[in-house]
């Protein structure tokens, strides 16, 4: 269920206000596990890579995801420039949306549809610190994000998801770019916090809720950095800050550990689901998972949400 129309906002937000939607999990680690070794977003430039991305989307849809995120986490202009891929920004983002749409089409044609299904245009950090902590100007960050938001929205995503940000100013730059591109597309923004509920740049979980909502976000929350057990404290702080806000949480599958020479995450699907069950009393709108998670983790989250 995705479109290019101004019905974006009504459809998604109306559904969200009636039920919890399930997002997907990690893309990068899934690509690696399936034999793709390049920069994750470069998979969008070759047919074999695109098919791997589609297969990952399909596995998450099969596991019960309502929202799948495009393979565009590192597809903003500044980040792509680091890999000499900035000239391919349109193709990378356009192909990612097409891959997500194709996955939904295949899933809905072959299965009894447990929709609704939506495509989130995924937007990650630019990879540089903004002034005054770094050298990147706020206006330049806005321009970098704008090049990505324009392609994602033009190609029909149902919402934009700004994620894994550790600086509220960078988040606001991405929000500004999104709102310059579209006033009505649903917009989510999740920051990454430490165990103390504070980002590396000193932003507190309770404080950023109002800031982001006032800036034009429809959904705010947290993702990455910490496991599902520790994120519970962030969930509490955000809900306390605004009893009525739409909140979204996507924790990592625990912490990374070395096992047989490989980095793995230490939360099984069962452990993650058990921890996320504790989030439900704080009335989240969207739940999913981040680094180290798999379709099995999402399936377990679906089970606990369905049984509440």
C-alpha atoms as a PDB file:
ATOM      1  CA  UNK A   1       0.000   0.000   0.000  1.00  0.00           C
ATOM      2  CA  UNK A   2       2.044   2.915  -1.250  1.00  0.00           C
ATOM      3  CA  UNK A   3       1.337   5.907  -3.422  1.00  0.00           C
ATOM      4  CA  UNK A   4       2.611   9.244  -4.626  1.00  0.00           C
ATOM      5  CA  UNK A   5      -0.448  11.163  -3.509  1.00  0.00           C
ATOM      6  CA  UNK A   6      -1.162  13.573  -0.712  1.00  0.00           C
ATOM      7  CA  UNK A   7      -3.049  10.713   0.932  1.00  0.00           C
ATOM      8  CA  UNK A   8       0.277   9.626   2.466  1.00  0.00           C
ATOM      9  CA  UNK A   9      -0.404  11.362   5.766  1.00  0.00           C
ATOM     10  CA  UNK A  10      -3.989  10.274   6.218  1.00  0.00           C
ATOM     11  CA  UNK A  11      -3.425   6.620   5.345  1.00  0.00           C
ATOM     12  CA  UNK A  12      -0.353   5.854   7.441  1.00  0.00           C
ATOM     13  CA  UNK A  13      -1.077   8.060  10.424  1.00  0.00           C
ATOM     14  CA  UNK A  14      -4.697   6.973  10.533  1.00  0.00           C
ATOM     15  CA  UNK A  15      -3.608   3.327  10.692  1.00  0.00           C
ATOM     16  CA  UNK A  16      -0.968   4.149  13.316  1.00  0.00           C
ATOM     17  CA  UNK A  17      -3.555   5.706  15.574  1.00  0.00           C
ATOM     18  CA  UNK A  18      -5.479   2.429  15.586  1.00  0.00           C
ATOM     19  CA  UNK A  19      -2.755  -0.213  15.904  1.00  0.00           C
ATOM     20  CA  UNK A  20       0.941  -0.807  16.436  1.00  0.00           C
ATOM     21  CA  UNK A  21       2.787  -1.204  13.144  1.00  0.00           C
ATOM     22  CA  UNK A  22       5.831  -3.448  12.851  1.00  0.00           C
ATOM     23  CA  UNK A  23       8.917  -2.184  11.065  1.00  0.00           C
ATOM     24  CA  UNK A  24      11.683  -4.421   9.762  1.00  0.00           C
ATOM     25  CA  UNK A  25      15.179  -5.113  11.077  1.00  0.00           C
ATOM     26  CA  UNK A  26      18.779  -4.805   9.943  1.00  0.00           C
ATOM     27  CA  UNK A  27      19.681  -4.524   6.273  1.00  0.00           C
ATOM     28  CA  UNK A  28      23.488  -4.219   6.320  1.00  0.00           C
ATOM     29  CA  UNK A  29      24.212  -7.326   8.367  1.00  0.00           C
ATOM     30  CA  UNK A  30      21.667  -9.284   6.328  1.00  0.00           C
ATOM     31  CA  UNK A  31      23.386  -8.274   3.085  1.00  0.00           C
ATOM     32  CA  UNK A  32      26.730  -9.389   4.522  1.00  0.00           C
ATOM     33  CA  UNK A  33      25.306 -12.738   5.605  1.00  0.00           C
ATOM     34  CA  UNK A  34      24.066 -13.276   2.048  1.00  0.00           C
ATOM     35  CA  UNK A  35      27.469 -12.728   0.500  1.00  0.00           C
ATOM     36  CA  UNK A  36      27.410  -9.043  -0.396  1.00  0.00           C
ATOM     37  CA  UNK A  37      30.694  -7.456   0.654  1.00  0.00           C
ATOM     38  CA  UNK A  38      30.565  -3.916  -0.770  1.00  0.00           C
ATOM     39  CA  UNK A  39      29.152  -0.656   0.547  1.00  0.00           C
ATOM     40  CA  UNK A  40      25.528  -1.653   1.310  1.00  0.00           C
ATOM     41  CA  UNK A  41      23.926   1.060  -0.803  1.00  0.00           C
ATOM     42  CA  UNK A  42      26.024   0.083  -3.841  1.00  0.00           C
ATOM     43  CA  UNK A  43      23.929  -3.092  -3.965  1.00  0.00           C
ATOM     44  CA  UNK A  44      21.233  -0.881  -5.500  1.00  0.00           C
ATOM     45  CA  UNK A  45      23.351  -0.409  -8.638  1.00  0.00           C
ATOM     46  CA  UNK A  46      23.582  -4.013  -9.852  1.00  0.00           C
ATOM     47  CA  UNK A  47      20.886  -6.580 -10.521  1.00  0.00           C
ATOM     48  CA  UNK A  48      22.383  -9.268  -8.292  1.00  0.00           C
ATOM     49  CA  UNK A  49      22.577  -6.813  -5.407  1.00  0.00           C
ATOM     50  CA  UNK A  50      19.050  -5.572  -6.039  1.00  0.00           C
ATOM     51  CA  UNK A  51      17.729  -9.133  -5.937  1.00  0.00           C
ATOM     52  CA  UNK A  52      19.472  -9.668  -2.585  1.00  0.00           C
ATOM     53  CA  UNK A  53      17.810  -6.507  -1.259  1.00  0.00           C
ATOM     54  CA  UNK A  54      14.416  -7.681  -2.543  1.00  0.00           C
ATOM     55  CA  UNK A  55      14.921 -11.087  -0.898  1.00  0.00           C
ATOM     56  CA  UNK A  56      15.703  -9.402   2.449  1.00  0.00           C
ATOM     57  CA  UNK A  57      12.577  -7.256   2.155  1.00  0.00           C
ATOM     58  CA  UNK A  58      10.544 -10.363   1.339  1.00  0.00           C
ATOM     59  CA  UNK A  59      11.871 -12.192   4.395  1.00  0.00           C
ATOM     60  CA  UNK A  60      10.870  -9.290   6.624  1.00  0.00           C
ATOM     61  CA  UNK A  61       7.433  -9.075   5.016  1.00  0.00           C
ATOM     62  CA  UNK A  62       7.021 -12.813   5.512  1.00  0.00           C
ATOM     63  CA  UNK A  63       7.938 -12.307   9.171  1.00  0.00           C
ATOM     64  CA  UNK A  64       5.134  -9.790   9.590  1.00  0.00           C
ATOM     65  CA  UNK A  65       6.670  -6.379   8.921  1.00  0.00           C
ATOM     66  CA  UNK A  66       4.157  -3.690   7.943  1.00  0.00           C
ATOM     67  CA  UNK A  67       6.919  -1.195   7.141  1.00  0.00           C
ATOM     68  CA  UNK A  68      10.058  -1.963   5.167  1.00  0.00           C
ATOM     69  CA  UNK A  69      12.934   0.505   4.987  1.00  0.00           C
ATOM     70  CA  UNK A  70      14.669   1.258   1.711  1.00  0.00           C
ATOM     71  CA  UNK A  71      18.334   0.300   1.424  1.00  0.00           C
ATOM     72  CA  UNK A  72      19.343   3.967   1.581  1.00  0.00           C
ATOM     73  CA  UNK A  73      20.692   4.470   5.111  1.00  0.00           C
ATOM     74  CA  UNK A  74      23.999   5.792   3.732  1.00  0.00           C
ATOM     75  CA  UNK A  75      22.609   7.245   0.491  1.00  0.00           C
ATOM     76  CA  UNK A  76      22.784  10.949   1.311  1.00  0.00           C
ATOM     77  CA  UNK A  77      25.091  13.113  -0.772  1.00  0.00           C
ATOM     78  CA  UNK A  78      27.835  13.598   1.831  1.00  0.00           C
ATOM     79  CA  UNK A  79      28.083   9.914   2.742  1.00  0.00           C
ATOM     80  CA  UNK A  80      28.074   8.757  -0.866  1.00  0.00           C
ATOM     81  CA  UNK A  81      30.837  11.220  -1.640  1.00  0.00           C
ATOM     82  CA  UNK A  82      33.081   9.274   0.739  1.00  0.00           C
ATOM     83  CA  UNK A  83      32.738   6.262  -1.571  1.00  0.00           C
ATOM     84  CA  UNK A  84      32.855   8.241  -4.834  1.00  0.00           C
ATOM     85  CA  UNK A  85      29.204   7.375  -5.399  1.00  0.00           C
ATOM     86  CA  UNK A  86      27.659  10.841  -5.092  1.00  0.00           C
ATOM     87  CA  UNK A  87      27.072  11.006  -8.868  1.00  0.00           C
ATOM     88  CA  UNK A  88      24.869   7.926  -8.480  1.00  0.00           C
ATOM     89  CA  UNK A  89      22.637   9.371  -5.746  1.00  0.00           C
ATOM     90  CA  UNK A  90      19.515   9.378  -7.929  1.00  0.00           C
ATOM     91  CA  UNK A  91      19.965   5.808  -9.174  1.00  0.00           C
ATOM     92  CA  UNK A  92      20.823   4.450  -5.714  1.00  0.00           C
ATOM     93  CA  UNK A  93      17.768   5.967  -4.048  1.00  0.00           C
ATOM     94  CA  UNK A  94      15.389   5.369  -6.960  1.00  0.00           C
ATOM     95  CA  UNK A  95      16.392   1.716  -7.318  1.00  0.00           C
ATOM     96  CA  UNK A  96      16.035   1.177  -3.570  1.00  0.00           C
ATOM     97  CA  UNK A  97      12.432   2.382  -3.622  1.00  0.00           C
ATOM     98  CA  UNK A  98      11.729   0.203  -6.662  1.00  0.00           C
ATOM     99  CA  UNK A  99      13.203  -2.829  -4.859  1.00  0.00           C
ATOM    100  CA  UNK A 100      10.978  -2.262  -1.833  1.00  0.00           C
ATOM    101  CA  UNK A 101       7.931  -1.807  -4.036  1.00  0.00           C
ATOM    102  CA  UNK A 102       8.750  -4.982  -5.976  1.00  0.00           C
ATOM    103  CA  UNK A 103       9.071  -6.942  -2.733  1.00  0.00           C
ATOM    104  CA  UNK A 104       5.657  -5.778  -1.549  1.00  0.00           C
ATOM    105  CA  UNK A 105       4.159  -6.605  -4.936  1.00  0.00           C
ATOM    106  CA  UNK A 106       5.597 -10.128  -4.873  1.00  0.00           C
ATOM    107  CA  UNK A 107       4.575 -10.687  -1.269  1.00  0.00           C
ATOM    108  CA  UNK A 108       1.013  -9.496  -1.725  1.00  0.00           C
ATOM    109  CA  UNK A 109       0.553 -11.501  -4.928  1.00  0.00           C
ATOM    110  CA  UNK A 110       1.755 -14.762  -3.365  1.00  0.00           C
ATOM    111  CA  UNK A 111       0.462 -14.563   0.199  1.00  0.00           C
ATOM    112  CA  UNK A 112      -2.729 -13.824   2.028  1.00  0.00           C
ATOM    113  CA  UNK A 113      -2.057 -10.148   2.661  1.00  0.00           C
ATOM    114  CA  UNK A 114      -1.647  -9.296   6.328  1.00  0.00           C
ATOM    115  CA  UNK A 115      -1.122  -5.638   5.463  1.00  0.00           C
ATOM    116  CA  UNK A 116      -1.114  -2.788   5.401  1.00  0.00           C
ATOM    117  CA  UNK A 117       2.397  -2.469   3.965  1.00  0.00           C
ATOM    118  CA  UNK A 118       4.329   0.770   3.697  1.00  0.00           C
ATOM    119  CA  UNK A 119       7.717   1.853   2.348  1.00  0.00           C
ATOM    120  CA  UNK A 120       9.899   4.014   4.592  1.00  0.00           C
ATOM    121  CA  UNK A 121      12.560   6.081   2.863  1.00  0.00           C
ATOM    122  CA  UNK A 122      15.535   5.452   5.141  1.00  0.00           C
ATOM    123  CA  UNK A 123      17.846   8.388   5.894  1.00  0.00           C
ATOM    124  CA  UNK A 124      20.980   7.986   7.998  1.00  0.00           C
ATOM    125  CA  UNK A 125      23.603  10.482   9.216  1.00  0.00           C
ATOM    126  CA  UNK A 126      25.902  12.384   6.854  1.00  0.00           C
ATOM    127  CA  UNK A 127      28.996  10.987   8.564  1.00  0.00           C
ATOM    128  CA  UNK A 128      30.466  14.346   9.586  1.00  0.00           C
ATOM    129  CA  UNK A 129      30.023  16.478  12.696  1.00  0.00           C
ATOM    130  CA  UNK A 130      28.132  19.721  12.304  1.00  0.00           C
ATOM    131  CA  UNK A 131      29.462  23.041  13.569  1.00  0.00           C
ATOM    132  CA  UNK A 132      30.474  23.922  16.240  1.00  0.00           C
ATOM    133  CA  UNK A 133      31.643  20.376  17.095  1.00  0.00           C
ATOM    134  CA  UNK A 134      32.798  19.756  13.519  1.00  0.00           C
ATOM    135  CA  UNK A 135      33.287  21.552  10.240  1.00  0.00           C
ATOM    136  CA  UNK A 136      30.048  20.835   8.369  1.00  0.00           C
ATOM    137  CA  UNK A 137      27.713  23.822   8.186  1.00  0.00           C
ATOM    138  CA  UNK A 138      24.044  23.313   9.020  1.00  0.00           C
ATOM    139  CA  UNK A 139      22.974  24.701   5.641  1.00  0.00           C
ATOM    140  CA  UNK A 140      25.257  22.250   3.838  1.00  0.00           C
ATOM    141  CA  UNK A 141      23.785  19.356   5.806  1.00  0.00           C
ATOM    142  CA  UNK A 142      20.301  20.472   4.765  1.00  0.00           C
ATOM    143  CA  UNK A 143      21.395  20.552   1.119  1.00  0.00           C
ATOM    144  CA  UNK A 144      22.960  17.077   1.418  1.00  0.00           C
ATOM    145  CA  UNK A 145      19.776  15.610   2.863  1.00  0.00           C
ATOM    146  CA  UNK A 146      17.625  17.503   0.352  1.00  0.00           C
ATOM    147  CA  UNK A 147      19.213  15.694  -2.584  1.00  0.00           C
ATOM    148  CA  UNK A 148      18.098  12.413  -1.018  1.00  0.00           C
ATOM    149  CA  UNK A 149      14.641  13.383   0.242  1.00  0.00           C
ATOM    150  CA  UNK A 150      13.689  14.699  -3.191  1.00  0.00           C
ATOM    151  CA  UNK A 151      14.452  11.382  -4.893  1.00  0.00           C
ATOM    152  CA  UNK A 152      12.799   9.269  -2.210  1.00  0.00           C
ATOM    153  CA  UNK A 153       9.580  11.279  -2.217  1.00  0.00           C
ATOM    154  CA  UNK A 154       9.484  11.626  -6.010  1.00  0.00           C
ATOM    155  CA  UNK A 155       9.650   7.838  -6.266  1.00  0.00           C
ATOM    156  CA  UNK A 156       6.747   7.249  -3.927  1.00  0.00           C
ATOM    157  CA  UNK A 157       7.824   6.302  -0.408  1.00  0.00           C
ATOM    158  CA  UNK A 158       5.006   6.369   2.138  1.00  0.00           C
ATOM    159  CA  UNK A 159       7.039   7.965   4.901  1.00  0.00           C
ATOM    160  CA  UNK A 160      10.525   9.241   5.598  1.00  0.00           C
ATOM    161  CA  UNK A 161      12.533   7.770   8.462  1.00  0.00           C
ATOM    162  CA  UNK A 162      15.506   9.781   9.733  1.00  0.00           C
ATOM    163  CA  UNK A 163      17.457   7.447  12.001  1.00  0.00           C
ATOM    164  CA  UNK A 164      20.584   6.716  14.036  1.00  0.00           C
ATOM    165  CA  UNK A 165      21.287  10.403  14.580  1.00  0.00           C
ATOM    166  CA  UNK A 166      23.378  11.400  17.605  1.00  0.00           C
ATOM    167  CA  UNK A 167      23.107  15.168  17.191  1.00  0.00           C
ATOM    168  CA  UNK A 168      19.751  16.941  17.404  1.00  0.00           C
ATOM    169  CA  UNK A 169      21.062  19.630  15.040  1.00  0.00           C
ATOM    170  CA  UNK A 170      21.783  17.059  12.345  1.00  0.00           C
ATOM    171  CA  UNK A 171      18.332  15.575  12.890  1.00  0.00           C
ATOM    172  CA  UNK A 172      16.798  19.026  12.492  1.00  0.00           C
ATOM    173  CA  UNK A 173      18.742  19.565   9.263  1.00  0.00           C
ATOM    174  CA  UNK A 174      17.267  16.340   7.879  1.00  0.00           C
ATOM    175  CA  UNK A 175      13.787  17.329   9.072  1.00  0.00           C
ATOM    176  CA  UNK A 176      14.125  20.702   7.361  1.00  0.00           C
ATOM    177  CA  UNK A 177      15.120  18.999   4.114  1.00  0.00           C
ATOM    178  CA  UNK A 178      12.188  16.619   4.372  1.00  0.00           C
ATOM    179  CA  UNK A 179       9.688  19.381   5.021  1.00  0.00           C
ATOM    180  CA  UNK A 180      11.065  21.515   2.203  1.00  0.00           C
ATOM    181  CA  UNK A 181      10.402  18.571  -0.087  1.00  0.00           C
ATOM    182  CA  UNK A 182       6.951  17.722   1.245  1.00  0.00           C
ATOM    183  CA  UNK A 183       4.741  19.332   3.856  1.00  0.00           C
ATOM    184  CA  UNK A 184       2.467  16.350   4.263  1.00  0.00           C
ATOM    185  CA  UNK A 185       4.498  13.131   3.992  1.00  0.00           C
ATOM    186  CA  UNK A 186       4.615  11.300   7.343  1.00  0.00           C
ATOM    187  CA  UNK A 187       7.974  11.941   8.964  1.00  0.00           C
ATOM    188  CA  UNK A 188       9.673   9.869  11.668  1.00  0.00           C
ATOM    189  CA  UNK A 189      12.947  10.667  13.403  1.00  0.00           C
ATOM    190  CA  UNK A 190      14.800   8.404  15.825  1.00  0.00           C
ATOM    191  CA  UNK A 191      18.007   9.256  17.663  1.00  0.00           C
ATOM    192  CA  UNK A 192      20.605   6.899  19.128  1.00  0.00           C
ATOM    193  CA  UNK A 193      21.105   7.081  22.894  1.00  0.00           C
ATOM    194  CA  UNK A 194      23.503   5.566  25.347  1.00  0.00           C
ATOM    195  CA  UNK A 195      22.398   3.546  28.362  1.00  0.00           C
ATOM    196  CA  UNK A 196      21.941   6.825  30.260  1.00  0.00           C
ATOM    197  CA  UNK A 197      19.377   8.100  27.750  1.00  0.00           C
ATOM    198  CA  UNK A 198      21.782  10.715  26.358  1.00  0.00           C
ATOM    199  CA  UNK A 199      23.314  10.826  22.868  1.00  0.00           C
ATOM    200  CA  UNK A 200      27.064  11.189  22.278  1.00  0.00           C
ATOM    201  CA  UNK A 201      26.419  14.875  21.590  1.00  0.00           C
ATOM    202  CA  UNK A 202      24.637  15.358  24.908  1.00  0.00           C
ATOM    203  CA  UNK A 203      20.992  15.329  23.779  1.00  0.00           C
ATOM    204  CA  UNK A 204      18.585  13.865  26.353  1.00  0.00           C
ATOM    205  CA  UNK A 205      15.803  11.482  25.373  1.00  0.00           C
ATOM    206  CA  UNK A 206      13.147  13.405  27.248  1.00  0.00           C
ATOM    207  CA  UNK A 207      14.165  16.740  25.743  1.00  0.00           C
ATOM    208  CA  UNK A 208      14.247  15.858  22.066  1.00  0.00           C
ATOM    209  CA  UNK A 209      10.614  14.722  21.861  1.00  0.00           C
ATOM    210  CA  UNK A 210       9.137  18.239  21.900  1.00  0.00           C
ATOM    211  CA  UNK A 211      11.949  19.629  19.755  1.00  0.00           C
ATOM    212  CA  UNK A 212      11.349  17.110  16.980  1.00  0.00           C
ATOM    213  CA  UNK A 213       7.561  17.290  17.121  1.00  0.00           C
ATOM    214  CA  UNK A 214       7.696  21.088  16.963  1.00  0.00           C
ATOM    215  CA  UNK A 215      10.035  20.876  13.964  1.00  0.00           C
ATOM    216  CA  UNK A 216       7.517  18.912  11.906  1.00  0.00           C
ATOM    217  CA  UNK A 217       7.949  15.251  12.845  1.00  0.00           C
ATOM    218  CA  UNK A 218       4.893  13.039  13.201  1.00  0.00           C
ATOM    219  CA  UNK A 219       6.721  10.184  14.941  1.00  0.00           C
ATOM    220  CA  UNK A 220       9.795  10.292  17.195  1.00  0.00           C
ATOM    221  CA  UNK A 221      11.813   7.674  18.999  1.00  0.00           C
ATOM    222  CA  UNK A 222      15.071   5.804  19.399  1.00  0.00           C
ATOM    223  CA  UNK A 223      17.077   3.214  17.515  1.00  0.00           C
ATOM    224  CA  UNK A 224      20.469   1.514  17.480  1.00  0.00           C
ATOM    225  CA  UNK A 225      23.375   1.897  19.985  1.00  0.00           C
ATOM    226  CA  UNK A 226      21.831  -0.202  22.751  1.00  0.00           C
ATOM    227  CA  UNK A 227      19.995  -3.496  23.182  1.00  0.00           C
ATOM    228  CA  UNK A 228      16.305  -4.001  23.818  1.00  0.00           C
ATOM    229  CA  UNK A 229      16.730  -4.400  27.580  1.00  0.00           C
ATOM    230  CA  UNK A 230      18.536  -1.078  28.043  1.00  0.00           C
ATOM    231  CA  UNK A 231      16.281   0.824  25.636  1.00  0.00           C
ATOM    232  CA  UNK A 232      13.346   0.371  28.012  1.00  0.00           C
ATOM    233  CA  UNK A 233      14.603   3.329  30.073  1.00  0.00           C
ATOM    234  CA  UNK A 234      14.637   5.498  26.947  1.00  0.00           C
ATOM    235  CA  UNK A 235      11.081   4.368  26.184  1.00  0.00           C
ATOM    236  CA  UNK A 236       9.988   5.491  29.654  1.00  0.00           C
ATOM    237  CA  UNK A 237      11.691   8.889  29.365  1.00  0.00           C
ATOM    238  CA  UNK A 238      10.132   9.623  25.991  1.00  0.00           C
ATOM    239  CA  UNK A 239       6.648   8.602  27.034  1.00  0.00           C
ATOM    240  CA  UNK A 240       6.923  10.703  30.192  1.00  0.00           C
ATOM    241  CA  UNK A 241       7.964  13.686  28.070  1.00  0.00           C
ATOM    242  CA  UNK A 242       4.788  13.465  25.979  1.00  0.00           C
ATOM    243  CA  UNK A 243       1.913  11.160  26.961  1.00  0.00           C
ATOM    244  CA  UNK A 244       0.297  11.429  23.521  1.00  0.00           C
ATOM    245  CA  UNK A 245       3.199  11.355  21.074  1.00  0.00           C
ATOM    246  CA  UNK A 246       3.539   8.668  18.432  1.00  0.00           C
ATOM    247  CA  UNK A 247       6.720   6.825  19.441  1.00  0.00           C
ATOM    248  CA  UNK A 248       8.936   4.399  17.521  1.00  0.00           C
ATOM    249  CA  UNK A 249      11.621   2.078  18.892  1.00  0.00           C
ATOM    250  CA  UNK A 250      14.150  -0.130  17.104  1.00  0.00           C
ATOM    251  CA  UNK A 251      16.828  -1.484  19.475  1.00  0.00           C
ATOM    252  CA  UNK A 252      19.859  -3.494  18.468  1.00  0.00           C
ATOM    253  CA  UNK A 253      19.805  -7.240  18.999  1.00  0.00           C
ATOM    254  CA  UNK A 254      21.911  -6.787  22.119  1.00  0.00           C
ATOM    255  CA  UNK A 255      25.626  -6.099  22.023  1.00  0.00           C
ATOM    256  CA  UNK A 256      28.169  -7.244  19.434  1.00  0.00           C
ATOM    257  CA  UNK A 257      30.470 -10.072  20.542  1.00  0.00           C
ATOM    258  CA  UNK A 258      33.122 -12.096  18.742  1.00  0.00           C
ATOM    259  CA  UNK A 259      32.202 -15.727  18.092  1.00  0.00           C
ATOM    260  CA  UNK A 260      34.369 -17.998  15.952  1.00  0.00           C
ATOM    261  CA  UNK A 261      36.100 -14.928  14.578  1.00  0.00           C
ATOM    262  CA  UNK A 262      32.849 -13.262  13.540  1.00  0.00           C
ATOM    263  CA  UNK A 263      30.912 -10.405  15.101  1.00  0.00           C
ATOM    264  CA  UNK A 264      27.475 -11.501  16.290  1.00  0.00           C
ATOM    265  CA  UNK A 265      24.850  -9.885  18.488  1.00  0.00           C
ATOM    266  CA  UNK A 266      23.891 -11.566  21.729  1.00  0.00           C
ATOM    267  CA  UNK A 267      20.101 -11.180  21.871  1.00  0.00           C
ATOM    268  CA  UNK A 268      18.148 -14.083  20.468  1.00  0.00           C
ATOM    269  CA  UNK A 269      14.716 -13.400  18.946  1.00  0.00           C
ATOM    270  CA  UNK A 270      13.118 -14.759  22.121  1.00  0.00           C
ATOM    271  CA  UNK A 271      15.153 -12.500  24.411  1.00  0.00           C
ATOM    272  CA  UNK A 272      14.442  -9.429  22.292  1.00  0.00           C
ATOM    273  CA  UNK A 273      10.714 -10.137  22.190  1.00  0.00           C
ATOM    274  CA  UNK A 274      10.607 -10.681  25.939  1.00  0.00           C
ATOM    275  CA  UNK A 275      12.263  -7.301  26.499  1.00  0.00           C
ATOM    276  CA  UNK A 276      10.103  -5.475  23.962  1.00  0.00           C
ATOM    277  CA  UNK A 277       6.974  -6.873  25.620  1.00  0.00           C
ATOM    278  CA  UNK A 278       7.778  -4.420  28.440  1.00  0.00           C
ATOM    279  CA  UNK A 279       7.521  -1.494  25.992  1.00  0.00           C
ATOM    280  CA  UNK A 280       3.847  -2.172  25.300  1.00  0.00           C
ATOM    281  CA  UNK A 281       2.490  -0.481  28.417  1.00  0.00           C
ATOM    282  CA  UNK A 282       4.086   2.752  27.144  1.00  0.00           C
ATOM    283  CA  UNK A 283       1.938   2.622  24.013  1.00  0.00           C
ATOM    284  CA  UNK A 284       4.455   2.701  21.147  1.00  0.00           C
ATOM    285  CA  UNK A 285       3.180   3.296  17.616  1.00  0.00           C
ATOM    286  CA  UNK A 286       5.935   1.470  15.716  1.00  0.00           C
ATOM    287  CA  UNK A 287       8.251  -1.332  16.837  1.00  0.00           C
ATOM    288  CA  UNK A 288      11.122  -2.925  14.955  1.00  0.00           C
ATOM    289  CA  UNK A 289      14.783  -3.761  15.396  1.00  0.00           C
ATOM    290  CA  UNK A 290      18.206  -2.530  14.309  1.00  0.00           C
ATOM    291  CA  UNK A 291      21.774  -3.874  14.097  1.00  0.00           C
ATOM    292  CA  UNK A 292      22.195  -7.625  14.347  1.00  0.00           C
ATOM    293  CA  UNK A 293      18.486  -8.340  14.025  1.00  0.00           C
ATOM    294  CA  UNK A 294      17.033 -10.809  11.540  1.00  0.00           C
ATOM    295  CA  UNK A 295      13.595 -11.713  10.182  1.00  0.00           C
ATOM    296  CA  UNK A 296      13.338 -14.157  13.110  1.00  0.00           C
ATOM    297  CA  UNK A 297      13.622 -11.250  15.560  1.00  0.00           C
ATOM    298  CA  UNK A 298      10.820  -9.424  13.758  1.00  0.00           C
ATOM    299  CA  UNK A 299       8.644 -12.539  13.783  1.00  0.00           C
ATOM    300  CA  UNK A 300       9.041 -12.786  17.560  1.00  0.00           C
ATOM    301  CA  UNK A 301       8.102  -9.104  17.979  1.00  0.00           C
ATOM    302  CA  UNK A 302       5.013  -9.665  15.825  1.00  0.00           C
ATOM    303  CA  UNK A 303       4.005 -12.529  18.113  1.00  0.00           C
ATOM    304  CA  UNK A 304       4.194 -10.497  21.323  1.00  0.00           C
ATOM    305  CA  UNK A 305       2.336  -7.544  19.797  1.00  0.00           C
ATOM    306  CA  UNK A 306      -0.366  -9.825  18.395  1.00  0.00           C
ATOM    307  CA  UNK A 307      -0.860 -11.518  21.761  1.00  0.00           C
ATOM    308  CA  UNK A 308      -1.214  -8.356  23.844  1.00  0.00           C
END
